[in-house]
Amino acid sequence: MQKQYEAVFIMTPVLSEEQMKETVKKFRNFLTERGAEIVYEESWGLRKLAYPIQKKSTGFYQLFEFTVEPEVIRPFEVEFKRDERVMRFLTVALDKHAVAYNEKKRAKKAAAINAVEEPKEKVIEEPAEMPAVEEKELN
């Protein structure tokens, strides 16, 4: 029976944009090749760490939320340990309350994004013609 999980990992900040995307793709492919369904994925970008890790004060954060069979998690975490580009990782099994909370949070975020984008889509009406103004001679 598949369970829902959330994995957050921090990649070293010395990676280029291309190397970071390649690392994320590696772990995404690892999951999908083993029958996982990626429910949600988010890149948090370069962030300051709470404490130095490997003498580094920043790191690239990545979040995966996925459903998979429980026996896939151990090899998934072993891949994190083997990859020198990953400084830290955390994988958590989500219960029904956490799943509901995440869905609610994503819906709220999507609504906020849509609310910001709506004014951009509206057509700006041309202002009505300005009424003619009488010109007065200055003497």
C-alpha atoms as a PDB file:
ATOM      1  CA  MET A   1       0.000   0.000   0.000  1.00  0.00           C
ATOM      2  CA  GLN A   2       1.417   3.352  -1.020  1.00  0.00           C
ATOM      3  CA  LYS A   3       1.979   6.045   1.574  1.00  0.00           C
ATOM      4  CA  GLN A   4       2.496   9.752   1.120  1.00  0.00           C
ATOM      5  CA  TYR A   5       5.886  11.227   1.990  1.00  0.00           C
ATOM      6  CA  GLU A   6       7.590  14.582   1.998  1.00  0.00           C
ATOM      7  CA  ALA A   7      11.336  14.923   1.401  1.00  0.00           C
ATOM      8  CA  VAL A   8      13.337  18.114   1.805  1.00  0.00           C
ATOM      9  CA  PHE A   9      17.001  18.197   0.900  1.00  0.00           C
ATOM     10  CA  ILE A  10      19.701  20.854   0.905  1.00  0.00           C
ATOM     11  CA  MET A  11      22.272  20.945  -1.864  1.00  0.00           C
ATOM     12  CA  THR A  12      25.663  22.599  -1.575  1.00  0.00           C
ATOM     13  CA  PRO A  13      25.707  26.265  -2.690  1.00  0.00           C
ATOM     14  CA  VAL A  14      28.785  25.836  -4.901  1.00  0.00           C
ATOM     15  CA  LEU A  15      26.665  24.138  -7.578  1.00  0.00           C
ATOM     16  CA  SER A  16      25.825  25.939 -10.789  1.00  0.00           C
ATOM     17  CA  GLU A  17      22.169  26.326 -11.787  1.00  0.00           C
ATOM     18  CA  GLU A  18      22.593  23.461 -14.264  1.00  0.00           C
ATOM     19  CA  GLN A  19      24.196  21.140 -11.689  1.00  0.00           C
ATOM     20  CA  MET A  20      21.437  21.893  -9.197  1.00  0.00           C
ATOM     21  CA  LYS A  21      18.716  21.078 -11.742  1.00  0.00           C
ATOM     22  CA  GLU A  22      20.569  17.884 -12.693  1.00  0.00           C
ATOM     23  CA  THR A  23      20.668  16.788  -9.035  1.00  0.00           C
ATOM     24  CA  VAL A  24      16.934  17.456  -8.600  1.00  0.00           C
ATOM     25  CA  LYS A  25      16.209  15.546 -11.815  1.00  0.00           C
ATOM     26  CA  LYS A  26      18.293  12.591 -10.562  1.00  0.00           C
ATOM     27  CA  PHE A  27      16.183  12.224  -7.411  1.00  0.00           C
ATOM     28  CA  ARG A  28      12.900  12.829  -9.243  1.00  0.00           C
ATOM     29  CA  ASN A  29      13.817  10.083 -11.739  1.00  0.00           C
ATOM     30  CA  PHE A  30      14.879   7.760  -8.900  1.00  0.00           C
ATOM     31  CA  LEU A  31      11.377   8.035  -7.425  1.00  0.00           C
ATOM     32  CA  THR A  32       9.397   7.814 -10.667  1.00  0.00           C
ATOM     33  CA  GLU A  33      11.385   4.776 -11.873  1.00  0.00           C
ATOM     34  CA  ARG A  34      10.294   2.969  -8.703  1.00  0.00           C
ATOM     35  CA  GLY A  35       6.597   3.726  -9.178  1.00  0.00           C
ATOM     36  CA  ALA A  36       6.329   6.933  -7.156  1.00  0.00           C
ATOM     37  CA  GLU A  37       3.891   9.636  -8.088  1.00  0.00           C
ATOM     38  CA  ILE A  38       5.203  13.152  -7.461  1.00  0.00           C
ATOM     39  CA  VAL A  39       2.278  15.030  -5.896  1.00  0.00           C
ATOM     40  CA  TYR A  40       4.061  18.359  -5.480  1.00  0.00           C
ATOM     41  CA  GLU A  41       7.520  19.734  -6.050  1.00  0.00           C
ATOM     42  CA  GLU A  42       8.935  23.092  -5.052  1.00  0.00           C
ATOM     43  CA  SER A  43      12.324  24.733  -5.226  1.00  0.00           C
ATOM     44  CA  TRP A  44      12.934  27.103  -2.338  1.00  0.00           C
ATOM     45  CA  GLY A  45      16.122  28.402  -3.917  1.00  0.00           C
ATOM     46  CA  LEU A  46      19.279  29.519  -2.146  1.00  0.00           C
ATOM     47  CA  ARG A  47      18.642  30.131   1.552  1.00  0.00           C
ATOM     48  CA  LYS A  48      20.694  30.890   4.606  1.00  0.00           C
ATOM     49  CA  LEU A  49      21.228  27.929   6.927  1.00  0.00           C
ATOM     50  CA  ALA A  50      20.448  28.103  10.639  1.00  0.00           C
ATOM     51  CA  TYR A  51      23.966  26.828  11.362  1.00  0.00           C
ATOM     52  CA  PRO A  52      26.998  26.073   9.158  1.00  0.00           C
ATOM     53  CA  ILE A  53      27.082  22.673   7.455  1.00  0.00           C
ATOM     54  CA  GLN A  54      30.409  21.592   5.936  1.00  0.00           C
ATOM     55  CA  LYS A  55      31.651  25.176   6.517  1.00  0.00           C
ATOM     56  CA  LYS A  56      28.873  26.551   4.299  1.00  0.00           C
ATOM     57  CA  SER A  57      26.263  29.056   5.476  1.00  0.00           C
ATOM     58  CA  THR A  58      23.811  28.735   2.538  1.00  0.00           C
ATOM     59  CA  GLY A  59      22.280  25.940   0.473  1.00  0.00           C
ATOM     60  CA  PHE A  60      19.771  25.185  -2.280  1.00  0.00           C
ATOM     61  CA  TYR A  61      16.562  23.780  -0.784  1.00  0.00           C
ATOM     62  CA  GLN A  62      14.260  21.401  -2.680  1.00  0.00           C
ATOM     63  CA  LEU A  63      10.952  19.839  -1.593  1.00  0.00           C
ATOM     64  CA  PHE A  64       9.269  16.728  -2.988  1.00  0.00           C
ATOM     65  CA  GLU A  65       5.863  15.450  -1.898  1.00  0.00           C
ATOM     66  CA  PHE A  66       5.154  12.005  -3.304  1.00  0.00           C
ATOM     67  CA  THR A  67       3.335   8.699  -2.865  1.00  0.00           C
ATOM     68  CA  VAL A  68       5.299   5.467  -3.014  1.00  0.00           C
ATOM     69  CA  GLU A  69       5.633   2.037  -1.471  1.00  0.00           C
ATOM     70  CA  PRO A  70       7.410   2.215   1.939  1.00  0.00           C
ATOM     71  CA  GLU A  71      10.241  -0.121   0.860  1.00  0.00           C
ATOM     72  CA  VAL A  72      11.484   2.518  -1.641  1.00  0.00           C
ATOM     73  CA  ILE A  73      12.326   5.039   1.104  1.00  0.00           C
ATOM     74  CA  ARG A  74      15.475   3.317   2.420  1.00  0.00           C
ATOM     75  CA  PRO A  75      17.214   3.135  -1.002  1.00  0.00           C
ATOM     76  CA  PHE A  76      16.048   6.703  -1.676  1.00  0.00           C
ATOM     77  CA  GLU A  77      17.793   7.914   1.493  1.00  0.00           C
ATOM     78  CA  VAL A  78      20.898   5.878   0.645  1.00  0.00           C
ATOM     79  CA  GLU A  79      21.076   7.809  -2.647  1.00  0.00           C
ATOM     80  CA  PHE A  80      21.012  11.058  -0.667  1.00  0.00           C
ATOM     81  CA  LYS A  81      23.896   9.815   1.499  1.00  0.00           C
ATOM     82  CA  ARG A  82      25.950   8.767  -1.541  1.00  0.00           C
ATOM     83  CA  ASP A  83      25.544  12.063  -3.389  1.00  0.00           C
ATOM     84  CA  GLU A  84      28.188  14.570  -2.284  1.00  0.00           C
ATOM     85  CA  ARG A  85      26.073  17.443  -3.634  1.00  0.00           C
ATOM     86  CA  VAL A  86      23.474  16.848  -0.871  1.00  0.00           C
ATOM     87  CA  MET A  87      24.436  18.309   2.512  1.00  0.00           C
ATOM     88  CA  ARG A  88      21.288  17.358   4.475  1.00  0.00           C
ATOM     89  CA  PHE A  89      17.967  15.632   3.848  1.00  0.00           C
ATOM     90  CA  LEU A  90      14.816  14.736   5.725  1.00  0.00           C
ATOM     91  CA  THR A  91      12.087  12.328   4.626  1.00  0.00           C
ATOM     92  CA  VAL A  92       8.821  12.281   6.584  1.00  0.00           C
ATOM     93  CA  ALA A  93       5.776  10.006   6.235  1.00  0.00           C
ATOM     94  CA  LEU A  94       2.626  12.155   6.157  1.00  0.00           C
ATOM     95  CA  ASP A  95      -0.541  11.205   8.002  1.00  0.00           C
ATOM     96  CA  LYS A  96      -4.007  12.182   6.760  1.00  0.00           C
ATOM     97  CA  HIS A  97      -3.927  15.465   8.690  1.00  0.00           C
ATOM     98  CA  ALA A  98      -0.592  16.511   7.191  1.00  0.00           C
ATOM     99  CA  VAL A  99      -1.823  15.618   3.692  1.00  0.00           C
ATOM    100  CA  ALA A 100      -4.976  17.710   4.213  1.00  0.00           C
ATOM    101  CA  TYR A 101      -2.892  20.597   5.576  1.00  0.00           C
ATOM    102  CA  ASN A 102      -0.532  20.506   2.568  1.00  0.00           C
ATOM    103  CA  GLU A 103      -3.457  20.439   0.116  1.00  0.00           C
ATOM    104  CA  LYS A 104      -5.079  23.387   1.873  1.00  0.00           C
ATOM    105  CA  LYS A 105      -1.783  25.299   1.869  1.00  0.00           C
ATOM    106  CA  ARG A 106      -1.260  24.657  -1.870  1.00  0.00           C
ATOM    107  CA  ALA A 107      -4.840  25.751  -2.676  1.00  0.00           C
ATOM    108  CA  LYS A 108      -4.373  28.937  -0.679  1.00  0.00           C
ATOM    109  CA  LYS A 109      -1.075  29.660  -2.440  1.00  0.00           C
ATOM    110  CA  ALA A 110      -2.643  29.033  -5.864  1.00  0.00           C
ATOM    111  CA  ALA A 111      -5.547  31.359  -5.010  1.00  0.00           C
ATOM    112  CA  ALA A 112      -3.111  34.093  -3.957  1.00  0.00           C
ATOM    113  CA  ILE A 113      -1.147  33.716  -7.193  1.00  0.00           C
ATOM    114  CA  ASN A 114      -4.354  33.854  -9.254  1.00  0.00           C
ATOM    115  CA  ALA A 115      -5.526  36.954  -7.387  1.00  0.00           C
ATOM    116  CA  VAL A 116      -2.266  38.723  -8.200  1.00  0.00           C
ATOM    117  CA  GLU A 117      -2.422  37.696 -11.862  1.00  0.00           C
ATOM    118  CA  GLU A 118      -6.075  38.706 -12.461  1.00  0.00           C
ATOM    119  CA  PRO A 119      -5.492  42.463 -12.825  1.00  0.00           C
ATOM    120  CA  LYS A 120      -2.864  41.771 -15.479  1.00  0.00           C
ATOM    121  CA  GLU A 121      -5.421  39.948 -17.605  1.00  0.00           C
ATOM    122  CA  LYS A 122      -8.054  42.696 -17.480  1.00  0.00           C
ATOM    123  CA  VAL A 123      -8.204  45.008 -20.460  1.00  0.00           C
ATOM    124  CA  ILE A 124      -7.414  48.568 -19.598  1.00  0.00           C
ATOM    125  CA  GLU A 125     -10.127  50.821 -20.944  1.00  0.00           C
ATOM    126  CA  GLU A 126      -9.137  53.919 -22.813  1.00  0.00           C
ATOM    127  CA  PRO A 127     -10.009  57.076 -20.911  1.00  0.00           C
ATOM    128  CA  ALA A 128     -12.916  59.088 -22.266  1.00  0.00           C
ATOM    129  CA  GLU A 129     -12.050  62.100 -24.377  1.00  0.00           C
ATOM    130  CA  MET A 130     -11.057  65.087 -22.378  1.00  0.00           C
ATOM    131  CA  PRO A 131     -13.600  67.903 -22.581  1.00  0.00           C
ATOM    132  CA  ALA A 132     -12.471  70.883 -24.574  1.00  0.00           C
ATOM    133  CA  VAL A 133     -11.084  73.650 -22.416  1.00  0.00           C
ATOM    134  CA  GLU A 134     -11.664  77.244 -23.423  1.00  0.00           C
ATOM    135  CA  GLU A 135      -8.515  79.109 -23.986  1.00  0.00           C
ATOM    136  CA  LYS A 136      -8.348  82.520 -22.412  1.00  0.00           C
ATOM    137  CA  GLU A 137      -6.002  85.206 -23.466  1.00  0.00           C
ATOM    138  CA  LEU A 138      -3.713  86.440 -20.809  1.00  0.00           C
ATOM    139  CA  ASN A 139      -3.390  90.192 -20.805  1.00  0.00           C
END
